[in-house]
Amino acid sequence: MPMTATNWMIEIEFKIHGLGHLHGDGMAIWLTEERAKPGKVFGHTDNFNGLGIFIDTYKNSRPGVVFPYVMAMLGNSSVSYDQDHDGKDNEMAGCSARGIRGTDTVPKKIRMTYYQDTSLKVELQYKAENEWTECFETEAFKLPQTAYLGFSAHTGELTDNHDIISVNSYNLHMRQNTGSSRSSDRGSKAQAKPYNPGGDKERGSWRWFLLKIVLLAIVVVGGYVGYTMYRASNRGSRF
């Protein structure tokens, strides 16, 4: 699905689960210049141009980091993913998210809020329903003008299930705010509008329909009043 909005919010509900104690490798969310193609980076091709958000459930070689681990990578078509060190050399920002994999009753969600001139904020819901934990917030960066939203997953020699349950995307319109600092932008309010093609057309059709009903009612009432006055006038003339 192509994303053409300058500022947007995407909220995804997913579930990573499976049997046994060995599982991996994880899943990824992509916003790239080209449509997704199969490859070795969480099931997606390497050397991509755009943004990758990785939910890594298997630790290869990254001492001191608790897994599962969520991280962002910005690709420019030439940089390869650091497979040997779980993306350490590519990481823009990230956080540990122990408990994001599993089948408990808490719906697992990720929410990405992007302002081209400000930041990308990633939040997670996995501890409790309607409780969002900020994972990270980056500095400003630009994505390709048209970025394709996609998903991929990879298990390697292990097994696991990676389910995408729902995806909701919104265009964001930031209200004007004085000051150009990042902190002042963060404090400004945004309005989220879900993509709804034809919505204005439907509202316009309803307005026109109601207007026609009102006009018809006026004509009927006017005709009835005129007819009543005409009958009364005829009766008066006979006497």
Protein backbone atom coordinates (compact mmCIF):
# COMPACT_ATOMS: atom_id res chain seq x y z
CA MET A 1 0.00 0.00 0.00
CA PRO A 2 1.60 3.34 -1.03
CA MET A 3 1.79 6.12 1.57
CA THR A 4 1.89 9.61 0.06
CA ALA A 5 1.14 11.67 3.18
CA THR A 6 3.90 13.91 4.53
CA ASN A 7 2.87 13.31 8.15
CA TRP A 8 1.10 10.17 9.28
CA MET A 9 0.28 7.74 12.05
CA ILE A 10 0.09 3.97 11.59
CA GLU A 11 -1.27 1.62 14.25
CA ILE A 12 -0.82 -2.13 13.83
CA GLU A 13 -2.12 -4.99 15.93
CA PHE A 14 -0.10 -8.18 15.60
CA LYS A 15 0.65 -11.44 17.38
CA ILE A 16 3.92 -13.39 17.52
CA HIS A 17 3.44 -16.84 19.01
CA GLY A 18 4.36 -20.49 18.72
CA LEU A 19 5.05 -23.74 20.54
CA GLY A 20 8.28 -24.74 22.22
CA HIS A 21 11.12 -22.77 23.76
CA LEU A 22 13.10 -22.06 20.58
CA HIS A 23 11.59 -19.47 18.28
CA GLY A 24 12.64 -16.70 15.92
CA ASP A 25 13.61 -14.65 14.12
CA GLY A 26 10.99 -11.92 14.14
CA MET A 27 9.01 -9.60 11.87
CA ALA A 28 9.42 -6.22 10.22
CA ILE A 29 7.35 -3.25 9.12
CA TRP A 30 8.53 -1.46 6.00
CA LEU A 31 8.08 1.93 4.36
CA THR A 32 10.26 1.69 1.27
CA GLU A 33 10.61 3.20 -2.18
CA GLU A 34 9.90 -0.12 -3.88
CA ARG A 35 7.33 -2.80 -3.17
CA ALA A 36 8.46 -5.57 -0.85
CA LYS A 37 10.54 -8.41 -2.30
CA PRO A 38 11.63 -11.62 -0.54
CA GLY A 39 15.08 -11.51 1.02
CA LYS A 40 17.23 -12.21 4.06
CA VAL A 41 16.30 -9.24 6.29
CA PHE A 42 13.32 -10.56 8.23
CA GLY A 43 12.04 -11.98 4.96
CA HIS A 44 12.60 -8.75 3.00
CA THR A 45 15.30 -7.83 0.51
CA ASP A 46 18.46 -6.11 1.80
CA ASN A 47 19.83 -2.75 0.59
CA PHE A 48 16.41 -1.13 0.72
CA ASN A 49 15.66 2.59 0.44
CA GLY A 50 13.39 3.75 3.23
CA LEU A 51 12.47 2.78 6.77
CA GLY A 52 12.47 -0.62 8.44
CA ILE A 53 11.04 -1.26 11.92
CA PHE A 54 12.26 -4.63 13.21
CA ILE A 55 10.71 -6.67 16.02
CA ASP A 56 13.59 -9.07 16.63
CA THR A 57 12.70 -12.08 18.79
CA TYR A 58 15.97 -14.04 18.50
CA LYS A 59 19.29 -12.88 19.90
CA ASN A 60 22.31 -13.74 17.75
CA SER A 61 25.21 -11.68 19.09
CA ARG A 62 24.39 -8.52 20.98
CA PRO A 63 25.69 -8.61 24.57
CA GLY A 64 23.88 -6.51 27.15
CA VAL A 65 20.65 -6.20 25.16
CA VAL A 66 17.41 -7.86 26.29
CA PHE A 67 15.32 -9.49 23.57
CA PRO A 68 12.78 -9.20 22.00
CA TYR A 69 14.17 -5.94 20.70
CA VAL A 70 12.44 -3.29 18.57
CA MET A 71 14.60 -1.03 16.42
CA ALA A 72 14.49 1.31 13.43
CA MET A 73 16.84 1.36 10.45
CA LEU A 74 16.98 3.96 7.69
CA GLY A 75 18.24 2.48 4.43
CA ASN A 76 19.65 4.31 1.39
CA SER A 77 19.83 1.43 -1.14
CA SER A 78 23.53 0.80 -0.43
CA VAL A 79 23.80 0.01 3.30
CA SER A 80 23.36 -3.65 4.27
CA TYR A 81 21.65 -4.84 7.43
CA ASP A 82 24.12 -5.94 10.13
CA GLN A 83 22.87 -9.51 10.38
CA ASP A 84 25.72 -10.79 12.56
CA HIS A 85 25.08 -8.27 15.34
CA ASP A 86 21.27 -7.99 15.15
CA GLY A 87 21.40 -4.63 13.36
CA LYS A 88 23.66 -2.89 15.88
CA ASP A 89 25.57 -0.92 13.23
CA ASN A 90 22.34 0.21 11.52
CA GLU A 91 20.22 1.18 14.50
CA MET A 92 18.68 4.66 14.56
CA ALA A 93 16.93 3.97 17.86
CA GLY A 94 15.44 1.01 19.67
CA CYS A 95 14.18 -0.53 22.90
CA SER A 96 13.81 -3.88 24.62
CA ALA A 97 10.24 -5.21 24.76
CA ARG A 98 10.21 -8.36 26.86
CA GLY A 99 6.68 -9.73 26.75
CA ILE A 100 5.76 -8.50 23.28
CA ARG A 101 5.83 -12.08 22.05
CA GLY A 102 3.21 -14.45 23.45
CA THR A 103 -0.45 -15.39 23.55
CA ASP A 104 -1.63 -13.65 26.73
CA THR A 105 -4.84 -11.60 26.71
CA VAL A 106 -3.16 -8.24 26.08
CA PRO A 107 -3.44 -7.24 22.39
CA LYS A 108 0.02 -6.46 21.01
CA LYS A 109 0.19 -3.20 19.08
CA ILE A 110 2.75 -0.81 17.64
CA ARG A 111 2.00 2.82 16.86
CA MET A 112 4.27 4.88 14.63
CA THR A 113 3.81 8.67 14.45
CA TYR A 114 5.86 10.45 11.79
CA TYR A 115 6.32 14.16 11.17
CA GLN A 116 8.71 14.78 8.30
CA ASP A 117 10.14 17.97 9.83
CA THR A 118 10.15 16.79 13.44
CA SER A 119 10.51 13.12 14.37
CA LEU A 120 9.39 9.52 14.29
CA LYS A 121 7.89 8.24 17.53
CA VAL A 122 7.28 4.53 18.12
CA GLU A 123 5.03 3.35 20.94
CA LEU A 124 4.13 -0.18 22.01
CA GLN A 125 1.15 -1.78 23.72
CA TYR A 126 2.07 -5.08 25.33
CA LYS A 127 2.03 -4.65 29.12
CA ALA A 128 -1.67 -3.83 29.49
CA GLU A 129 -4.52 -2.92 27.16
CA ASN A 130 -4.69 0.82 26.39
CA GLU A 131 -1.32 1.32 28.08
CA TRP A 132 1.21 2.67 25.60
CA THR A 133 4.94 2.55 26.30
CA GLU A 134 7.21 4.87 24.34
CA CYS A 135 9.93 2.83 22.69
CA PHE A 136 11.89 5.65 21.07
CA GLU A 137 11.70 8.98 19.26
CA THR A 138 14.16 9.92 16.52
CA GLU A 139 15.31 13.18 15.02
CA ALA A 140 13.80 14.41 11.75
CA PHE A 141 14.48 12.47 8.56
CA LYS A 142 12.84 12.20 5.15
CA LEU A 143 11.29 9.15 3.57
CA PRO A 144 10.84 8.54 -0.17
CA GLN A 145 8.06 10.71 -1.60
CA THR A 146 5.96 7.61 -2.16
CA ALA A 147 6.70 4.87 0.37
CA TYR A 148 5.12 1.43 0.22
CA LEU A 149 3.86 0.02 3.51
CA GLY A 150 4.65 -3.67 3.85
CA PHE A 151 5.23 -6.49 6.32
CA SER A 152 7.54 -9.47 6.41
CA ALA A 153 8.75 -12.17 8.80
CA HIS A 154 11.47 -14.77 8.97
CA THR A 155 12.01 -17.91 11.04
CA GLY A 156 15.35 -19.19 9.73
CA GLU A 157 15.89 -22.72 11.06
CA LEU A 158 13.34 -22.18 13.84
CA THR A 159 9.56 -21.86 13.83
CA ASP A 160 7.07 -19.20 14.92
CA ASN A 161 3.83 -17.56 13.86
CA HIS A 162 3.68 -13.89 12.88
CA ASP A 163 0.10 -12.62 12.49
CA ILE A 164 -0.99 -9.18 11.31
CA ILE A 165 -4.44 -8.65 12.82
CA SER A 166 -5.26 -5.06 11.83
CA VAL A 167 -3.68 -2.01 10.23
CA ASN A 168 -4.99 1.56 10.57
CA SER A 169 -3.32 4.55 8.92
CA TYR A 170 -4.06 8.25 9.34
CA ASN A 171 -2.96 11.50 7.74
CA LEU A 172 -1.79 14.00 10.36
CA HIS A 173 -2.24 17.75 10.05
CA MET A 174 -0.16 19.74 12.52
CA ARG A 175 -1.55 23.03 13.71
CA GLN A 176 0.71 26.04 13.33
CA ASN A 177 2.87 26.66 16.37
CA THR A 178 5.32 29.44 17.17
CA GLY A 179 8.94 28.48 17.46
CA SER A 180 10.93 26.02 15.41
CA SER A 181 12.50 23.87 18.11
CA ARG A 182 11.76 20.19 18.32
CA SER A 183 10.40 20.51 21.87
CA SER A 184 7.82 23.10 20.80
CA ASP A 185 6.76 20.92 17.87
CA ARG A 186 6.33 17.98 20.19
CA GLY A 187 3.96 20.03 22.31
CA SER A 188 1.74 21.02 19.41
CA LYS A 189 -1.51 19.22 18.78
CA ALA A 190 -2.28 17.14 15.75
CA GLN A 191 -5.53 16.09 14.18
CA ALA A 192 -5.72 12.56 12.83
CA LYS A 193 -7.96 11.99 9.86
CA PRO A 194 -8.56 8.42 8.68
CA TYR A 195 -8.37 7.89 4.94
CA ASN A 196 -11.98 7.89 3.69
CA PRO A 197 -12.28 8.20 -0.09
CA GLY A 198 -15.76 9.34 -1.13
CA GLY A 199 -16.70 10.56 2.34
CA ASP A 200 -17.29 14.17 1.25
CA LYS A 201 -19.22 12.95 -1.77
CA GLU A 202 -21.55 10.90 0.42
CA ARG A 203 -22.20 13.85 2.75
CA GLY A 204 -22.92 16.08 -0.25
CA SER A 205 -25.40 13.52 -1.64
CA TRP A 206 -27.26 13.40 1.67
CA ARG A 207 -27.50 17.20 1.83
CA TRP A 208 -28.92 17.34 -1.70
CA PHE A 209 -31.40 14.56 -0.90
CA LEU A 210 -32.64 16.36 2.23
CA LEU A 211 -32.94 19.64 0.31
CA LYS A 212 -35.11 17.95 -2.31
CA ILE A 213 -37.36 16.51 0.43
CA VAL A 214 -37.79 19.97 1.98
CA LEU A 215 -38.58 21.57 -1.39
CA LEU A 216 -41.10 18.83 -2.18
CA ALA A 217 -42.78 19.35 1.19
CA ILE A 218 -43.03 23.10 0.52
CA VAL A 219 -44.62 22.46 -2.88
CA VAL A 220 -47.14 19.98 -1.44
CA VAL A 221 -48.11 22.24 1.46
CA GLY A 222 -48.32 25.26 -0.81
CA GLY A 223 -50.51 23.36 -3.25
CA TYR A 224 -52.79 22.15 -0.48
CA VAL A 225 -53.18 25.66 0.97
CA GLY A 226 -53.87 27.10 -2.47
CA TYR A 227 -56.46 24.41 -3.20
CA THR A 228 -58.19 25.01 0.15
CA MET A 229 -58.36 28.75 -0.47
CA TYR A 230 -59.70 28.14 -3.98
CA ARG A 231 -62.51 25.91 -2.67
CA ALA A 232 -63.37 28.42 0.04
CA SER A 233 -63.51 31.19 -2.55
CA ASN A 234 -65.86 29.18 -4.80
CA ARG A 235 -68.21 28.42 -1.91
CA GLY A 236 -68.34 32.12 -0.97
CA SER A 237 -69.19 33.16 -4.54
CA ARG A 238 -72.17 30.76 -4.68
CA PHE A 239 -73.80 32.48 -1.72
